[in-house]
């Protein structure tokens, strides 16, 4: 009797295997593994005889301790989001040596590019000038550049320095910016190695012309950017929110924009979608994007490549290297909400 293939439990919602894998890679997945697709909320009700055979989980469905206890062959949970979810017994997972992996690195470059585009737009008023032109009330030449500035040579602050922060720094390199970074989870020497200056939060806020927020939401930083922090920023500075809305007091952010203390852009919101009558939809000085910065087919398909390569390594008893490994000390601190729409 031929040996059975390793079992992959696929519950990647709201994503699908067809979104994550290129056609030839999806064929490779089915060739190498038995793939069982199941809604995330049905994992707990699966029979023990199935759970005992699961080697890999694609997605991060809720896993109770009793369900995990039945998964005696489990080697890795491969989260196909950009954030961890607090829906499994991490301590027991780490005790058993099961890898929890994320593929969020695929979003770093496209989101960083969107952040750069937002900064350039707010610095030069590109969208507002286009709207004025369409309405026939455009201002020509220097008259249309009131409040404009250059990004080159400016003071830039980055809050958070994970994959996205690093990608953003690489894009900014050609602009010769003076970059300060606040990230309490990283040692100053590592920041210096990346060519940025370590700084506390107060310095980043008070001494930057452009501020990029790319930090994850944790149990320690929810809403840590509020009215006092926005008031401490330079008059007219540019604030760009790219990671998760829960790191800011969103109404305080809108108040700061309405008061013309700052201008701002965001790709993320406390509700998605926001109510049709919410002031964020019409507020001057606020550039809006509907959580689309990283949602590119090329990024999604790169996830499948990473997953297949790491599963091949783990099949050989080697550690994964392409995906990012969750750490015992920080996994339970993550508080980012899962996405509802790709």
Protein backbone atom coordinates (compact mmCIF):
# COMPACT_ATOMS: atom_id res chain seq x y z
CA UNK A 1 0.00 0.00 0.00
CA UNK A 2 1.48 3.44 -0.95
CA UNK A 3 2.39 5.72 1.92
CA UNK A 4 -0.23 8.42 2.50
CA UNK A 5 0.68 12.04 1.86
CA UNK A 6 1.10 14.48 4.77
CA UNK A 7 -2.17 16.21 5.57
CA UNK A 8 -2.53 19.98 5.21
CA UNK A 9 -5.56 21.57 6.83
CA UNK A 10 -6.47 24.65 4.79
CA UNK A 11 -8.56 27.35 6.51
CA UNK A 12 -7.08 30.58 5.12
CA UNK A 13 -10.27 32.69 5.11
CA UNK A 14 -10.95 35.33 4.03
CA UNK A 15 -8.27 34.28 1.57
CA UNK A 16 -8.45 31.24 -0.67
CA UNK A 17 -5.86 28.79 -1.92
CA UNK A 18 -6.44 30.12 -5.44
CA UNK A 19 -5.55 33.62 -4.25
CA UNK A 20 -2.43 32.56 -2.35
CA UNK A 21 -0.94 30.11 -4.84
CA UNK A 22 -0.03 30.53 -8.48
CA UNK A 23 -1.72 27.77 -10.53
CA UNK A 24 1.47 25.71 -10.84
CA UNK A 25 2.23 26.14 -7.14
CA UNK A 26 -1.29 25.08 -6.20
CA UNK A 27 -0.79 21.97 -8.31
CA UNK A 28 2.49 21.36 -6.49
CA UNK A 29 0.73 21.72 -3.14
CA UNK A 30 -1.82 19.05 -4.11
CA UNK A 31 0.89 16.80 -5.52
CA UNK A 32 2.99 16.85 -2.36
CA UNK A 33 0.20 16.88 0.22
CA UNK A 34 -3.31 15.78 0.92
CA UNK A 35 -5.17 19.09 1.27
CA UNK A 36 -8.36 19.31 3.31
CA UNK A 37 -10.18 22.63 2.97
CA UNK A 38 -12.47 23.47 5.87
CA UNK A 39 -14.19 26.60 7.26
CA UNK A 40 -12.19 28.00 10.15
CA UNK A 41 -15.02 27.61 12.65
CA UNK A 42 -15.37 23.90 11.88
CA UNK A 43 -11.85 22.82 12.81
CA UNK A 44 -12.81 22.10 16.41
CA UNK A 45 -15.59 19.73 15.33
CA UNK A 46 -13.40 17.56 13.11
CA UNK A 47 -12.89 13.95 14.08
CA UNK A 48 -9.89 12.89 16.11
CA UNK A 49 -8.72 10.52 13.38
CA UNK A 50 -8.37 13.51 11.03
CA UNK A 51 -6.82 15.89 13.56
CA UNK A 52 -4.16 13.31 14.44
CA UNK A 53 -2.90 13.36 10.83
CA UNK A 54 -2.65 17.15 10.35
CA UNK A 55 0.96 18.17 9.73
CA UNK A 56 0.40 21.77 8.65
CA UNK A 57 -2.37 24.33 9.05
CA UNK A 58 -2.74 27.05 6.40
CA UNK A 59 -4.50 29.99 8.05
CA UNK A 60 -5.07 30.62 11.72
CA UNK A 61 -8.42 29.12 12.70
CA UNK A 62 -9.42 29.06 16.38
CA UNK A 63 -7.70 26.14 18.11
CA UNK A 64 -8.71 25.20 21.65
CA UNK A 65 -6.35 23.27 23.93
CA UNK A 66 -8.35 20.06 23.55
CA UNK A 67 -8.25 20.38 19.75
CA UNK A 68 -4.51 20.99 19.81
CA UNK A 69 -4.04 17.95 22.03
CA UNK A 70 -5.44 15.78 19.23
CA UNK A 71 -3.05 17.28 16.64
CA UNK A 72 -0.15 15.03 17.54
CA UNK A 73 1.54 15.35 14.12
CA UNK A 74 1.25 19.15 13.84
CA UNK A 75 4.51 20.87 12.91
CA UNK A 76 3.43 24.37 11.97
CA UNK A 77 0.60 26.88 11.77
CA UNK A 78 1.20 29.03 8.68
CA UNK A 79 -0.73 32.25 9.18
CA UNK A 80 -1.45 33.86 5.80
CA UNK A 81 -2.18 37.29 7.24
CA UNK A 82 0.15 40.05 8.33
CA UNK A 83 -0.67 39.72 12.02
CA UNK A 84 -1.06 37.05 14.67
CA UNK A 85 -4.42 36.29 16.23
CA UNK A 86 -4.91 35.52 19.91
CA UNK A 87 -7.02 32.42 19.28
CA UNK A 88 -4.81 29.49 20.23
CA UNK A 89 -2.85 28.25 23.28
CA UNK A 90 0.52 29.72 22.35
CA UNK A 91 2.32 28.44 25.45
CA UNK A 92 1.46 24.83 24.66
CA UNK A 93 2.27 25.34 20.97
CA UNK A 94 5.72 26.66 21.78
CA UNK A 95 6.28 23.99 24.43
CA UNK A 96 5.68 21.34 21.78
CA UNK A 97 8.04 23.03 19.32
CA UNK A 98 5.31 23.81 16.81
CA UNK A 99 6.22 26.72 14.55
CA UNK A 100 3.77 29.62 14.20
CA UNK A 101 4.68 31.41 10.99
CA UNK A 102 3.41 34.55 9.26
CA UNK A 103 3.68 35.60 5.63
CA UNK A 104 3.18 39.31 6.28
CA UNK A 105 6.58 40.19 4.84
CA UNK A 106 5.02 39.98 1.36
CA UNK A 107 3.09 43.17 2.11
CA UNK A 108 6.06 45.23 3.28
CA UNK A 109 7.17 46.64 -0.07
CA UNK A 110 3.73 47.41 -1.58
CA UNK A 111 2.56 49.07 1.66
CA UNK A 112 5.81 51.04 1.91
CA UNK A 113 5.35 52.24 -1.68
CA UNK A 114 1.82 53.38 -0.86
CA UNK A 115 3.13 55.23 2.19
CA UNK A 116 5.73 56.98 0.06
CA UNK A 117 3.08 57.94 -2.48
CA UNK A 118 0.90 59.36 0.29
CA UNK A 119 3.79 61.39 1.67
CA UNK A 120 4.62 62.84 -1.73
CA UNK A 121 0.98 63.64 -2.39
CA UNK A 122 0.49 65.45 0.91
CA UNK A 123 3.78 67.29 0.46
CA UNK A 124 2.80 68.55 -3.00
CA UNK A 125 -1.02 68.57 -2.88
CA UNK A 126 -1.34 66.36 -5.95
CA UNK A 127 -4.87 65.06 -5.41
CA UNK A 128 -6.27 68.41 -4.27
CA UNK A 129 -4.68 70.17 -7.26
CA UNK A 130 -6.20 67.57 -9.59
CA UNK A 131 -9.62 68.09 -8.01
CA UNK A 132 -9.28 71.85 -8.41
CA UNK A 133 -8.32 71.41 -12.07
CA UNK A 134 -11.38 69.24 -12.69
CA UNK A 135 -13.56 71.89 -11.05
CA UNK A 136 -11.98 74.70 -13.10
CA UNK A 137 -10.59 76.54 -10.08
CA UNK A 138 -6.93 75.51 -10.35
CA UNK A 139 -4.08 77.77 -9.30
CA UNK A 140 -1.13 77.98 -11.68
CA UNK A 141 2.58 77.96 -10.92
CA UNK A 142 3.67 79.19 -7.55
CA UNK A 143 0.14 80.22 -6.65
CA UNK A 144 -0.73 76.52 -6.57
CA UNK A 145 2.10 75.60 -4.22
CA UNK A 146 1.05 77.27 -1.01
CA UNK A 147 2.13 74.95 1.78
CA UNK A 148 4.04 72.62 -0.55
CA UNK A 149 7.38 71.16 0.47
CA UNK A 150 9.89 68.54 -0.64
CA UNK A 151 10.41 65.18 0.98
CA UNK A 152 14.10 65.25 0.10
CA UNK A 153 16.31 66.26 3.02
CA UNK A 154 13.39 66.38 5.44
CA UNK A 155 13.16 65.04 8.99
CA UNK A 156 11.32 61.73 8.97
CA UNK A 157 10.06 59.69 11.90
CA UNK A 158 9.11 56.04 11.71
CA UNK A 159 7.12 54.41 14.52
CA UNK A 160 7.78 50.68 14.39
CA UNK A 161 10.64 49.02 12.54
CA UNK A 162 9.59 45.57 11.44
CA UNK A 163 9.52 44.40 7.83
CA UNK A 164 7.42 47.39 6.77
CA UNK A 165 9.60 49.93 8.54
CA UNK A 166 12.71 48.48 6.95
CA UNK A 167 11.14 48.50 3.49
CA UNK A 168 10.13 52.12 3.98
CA UNK A 169 13.64 53.11 5.01
CA UNK A 170 15.05 51.54 1.84
CA UNK A 171 12.62 53.54 -0.31
CA UNK A 172 13.50 56.75 1.51
CA UNK A 173 17.23 56.26 1.03
CA UNK A 174 17.28 58.18 -2.24
CA UNK A 175 15.56 61.16 -0.61
CA UNK A 176 18.47 61.70 1.83
CA UNK A 177 16.09 62.13 4.77
CA UNK A 178 17.15 62.37 8.40
CA UNK A 179 15.34 59.35 9.83
CA UNK A 180 14.54 58.78 13.50
CA UNK A 181 12.90 55.55 14.61
CA UNK A 182 10.94 54.64 17.73
CA UNK A 183 10.59 50.91 18.38
CA UNK A 184 10.77 49.78 22.02
CA UNK A 185 11.12 46.12 20.96
CA UNK A 186 14.45 46.67 19.19
CA UNK A 187 17.92 47.52 20.53
CA UNK A 188 19.44 50.85 19.45
CA UNK A 189 22.42 49.12 17.82
CA UNK A 190 20.16 47.28 15.37
CA UNK A 191 18.51 50.54 14.33
CA UNK A 192 21.90 52.16 13.76
CA UNK A 193 22.94 49.21 11.61
CA UNK A 194 20.02 50.08 9.33
CA UNK A 195 21.18 53.68 9.01
CA UNK A 196 18.53 55.27 11.22
CA UNK A 197 18.76 57.09 14.54
CA UNK A 198 17.11 55.51 17.60
CA UNK A 199 14.80 57.97 19.35
CA UNK A 200 12.09 58.04 21.95
CA UNK A 201 8.49 58.67 20.95
CA UNK A 202 8.56 62.31 22.01
CA UNK A 203 11.55 63.05 19.75
CA UNK A 204 9.97 61.35 16.75
CA UNK A 205 6.73 63.29 17.16
CA UNK A 206 8.21 66.70 17.90
CA UNK A 207 11.15 66.66 15.47
CA UNK A 208 9.70 65.17 12.27
CA UNK A 209 8.21 66.72 9.15
CA UNK A 210 6.82 63.34 8.08
CA UNK A 211 5.75 60.58 10.46
CA UNK A 212 5.00 57.05 9.29
CA UNK A 213 3.18 54.74 11.71
CA UNK A 214 3.93 51.11 10.84
CA UNK A 215 3.73 49.45 14.26
CA UNK A 216 1.60 46.42 15.08
CA UNK A 217 -1.18 46.65 17.64
CA UNK A 218 -0.18 45.04 20.93
CA UNK A 219 -1.59 44.74 24.43
CA UNK A 220 0.66 47.67 25.37
CA UNK A 221 0.14 50.26 22.63
CA UNK A 222 -3.56 50.34 21.79
CA UNK A 223 -4.52 54.01 21.25
CA UNK A 224 -1.11 55.27 22.39
CA UNK A 225 -1.18 58.12 19.87
CA UNK A 226 -3.81 60.57 21.11
CA UNK A 227 -4.57 64.28 21.40
CA UNK A 228 -1.45 65.11 23.42
CA UNK A 229 0.78 63.33 20.94
CA UNK A 230 -0.79 65.06 17.93
CA UNK A 231 -0.50 68.45 19.67
CA UNK A 232 3.23 67.84 20.15
CA UNK A 233 3.86 67.44 16.43
CA UNK A 234 5.24 70.20 14.23
CA UNK A 235 2.60 72.50 12.79
CA UNK A 236 1.64 71.25 9.34
CA UNK A 237 3.60 68.01 9.60
CA UNK A 238 2.48 64.93 7.68
CA UNK A 239 1.14 61.90 9.56
CA UNK A 240 0.70 58.63 7.66
CA UNK A 241 -1.01 55.61 9.21
CA UNK A 242 -0.22 52.33 7.44
CA UNK A 243 -0.39 49.48 9.97
CA UNK A 244 -3.56 49.26 12.10
CA UNK A 245 -5.95 52.00 13.21
CA UNK A 246 -6.09 50.75 16.80
CA UNK A 247 -2.69 52.26 17.58
CA UNK A 248 -4.23 55.75 17.40
CA UNK A 249 -7.15 57.54 18.98
CA UNK A 250 -8.77 57.98 15.58
CA UNK A 251 -11.12 60.78 16.57
CA UNK A 252 -8.20 62.69 18.11
CA UNK A 253 -6.34 62.24 14.81
CA UNK A 254 -9.27 63.71 12.91
CA UNK A 255 -9.51 66.58 15.40
CA UNK A 256 -5.83 67.41 14.81
CA UNK A 257 -6.41 67.47 11.05
CA UNK A 258 -9.55 69.58 11.39
CA UNK A 259 -7.62 72.07 13.52
CA UNK A 260 -4.92 72.20 10.81
CA UNK A 261 -2.29 71.07 13.31
CA UNK A 262 -1.29 68.33 10.86
CA UNK A 263 -2.27 66.78 7.56
CA UNK A 264 -2.74 63.03 7.45
CA UNK A 265 -3.30 59.94 5.36
CA UNK A 266 -4.55 56.52 6.32
CA UNK A 267 -5.01 53.13 4.71
CA UNK A 268 -6.68 51.66 7.83
CA UNK A 269 -9.69 52.58 9.97
CA UNK A 270 -11.35 51.62 13.26
CA UNK A 271 -14.33 50.33 11.25
CA UNK A 272 -13.97 48.91 7.76
CA UNK A 273 -15.91 50.18 5.95
CA UNK A 274 -16.46 53.43 7.80
CA UNK A 275 -20.06 54.77 8.05
CA UNK A 276 -21.08 56.75 4.98
CA UNK A 277 -21.83 59.82 7.08
CA UNK A 278 -18.55 59.76 9.04
CA UNK A 279 -16.56 62.99 8.86
CA UNK A 280 -13.41 61.15 7.74
CA UNK A 281 -14.96 60.87 4.27
CA UNK A 282 -15.05 64.64 3.68
CA UNK A 283 -12.39 66.06 5.99
CA UNK A 284 -9.98 68.43 4.23
CA UNK A 285 -6.33 67.66 4.79
CA UNK A 286 -6.97 63.92 5.08
CA UNK A 287 -5.99 61.50 2.30
CA UNK A 288 -7.99 58.27 2.28
CA UNK A 289 -7.24 54.75 1.03
CA UNK A 290 -9.54 51.76 1.66
CA UNK A 291 -7.12 49.25 3.24
CA UNK A 292 -5.69 48.49 -0.19
CA UNK A 293 -2.01 49.32 0.23
CA UNK A 294 -0.83 45.71 0.35
CA UNK A 295 -3.71 43.99 -1.43
CA UNK A 296 -1.94 43.15 -4.67
CA UNK A 297 -2.17 39.79 -6.47
CA UNK A 298 1.61 39.69 -6.70
CA UNK A 299 1.88 39.92 -2.91
CA UNK A 300 -0.77 37.28 -2.27
CA UNK A 301 0.84 34.84 -4.71
CA UNK A 302 4.23 35.28 -3.06
CA UNK A 303 2.67 33.83 0.11
CA UNK A 304 2.24 30.46 -1.60
CA UNK A 305 5.88 30.38 -2.66
CA UNK A 306 7.02 31.08 0.91
CA UNK A 307 4.68 28.48 2.40
CA UNK A 308 5.76 25.71 0.02
CA UNK A 309 9.46 26.39 0.55
CA UNK A 310 9.15 26.36 4.33
CA UNK A 311 7.00 23.22 4.37
CA UNK A 312 9.62 21.49 2.22
CA UNK A 313 12.28 22.40 4.79
CA UNK A 314 10.16 21.22 7.72
CA UNK A 315 9.40 17.96 5.89
CA UNK A 316 13.16 17.34 6.02
CA UNK A 317 13.38 18.13 9.71
CA UNK A 318 14.87 21.59 9.12
CA UNK A 319 13.63 24.92 10.51
CA UNK A 320 11.57 27.27 8.31
CA UNK A 321 13.42 30.30 6.98
CA UNK A 322 11.15 32.10 4.48
CA UNK A 323 8.21 32.96 6.73
CA UNK A 324 8.56 34.99 9.90
CA UNK A 325 8.50 32.97 13.10
CA UNK A 326 6.36 34.11 16.01
CA UNK A 327 8.25 34.51 19.25
CA UNK A 328 7.20 33.03 22.57
CA UNK A 329 7.66 36.37 24.35
CA UNK A 330 5.57 38.48 21.99
CA UNK A 331 2.96 36.28 20.28
CA UNK A 332 0.31 36.74 22.96
CA UNK A 333 0.81 40.51 23.02
CA UNK A 334 -0.42 40.96 19.45
CA UNK A 335 -3.86 42.54 19.21
CA UNK A 336 -4.35 43.32 15.52
CA UNK A 337 -7.76 42.34 14.27
CA UNK A 338 -7.92 39.88 11.37
CA UNK A 339 -8.96 41.29 8.02
CA UNK A 340 -12.47 40.68 6.69
CA UNK A 341 -11.70 41.53 3.07
CA UNK A 342 -8.56 40.72 1.08
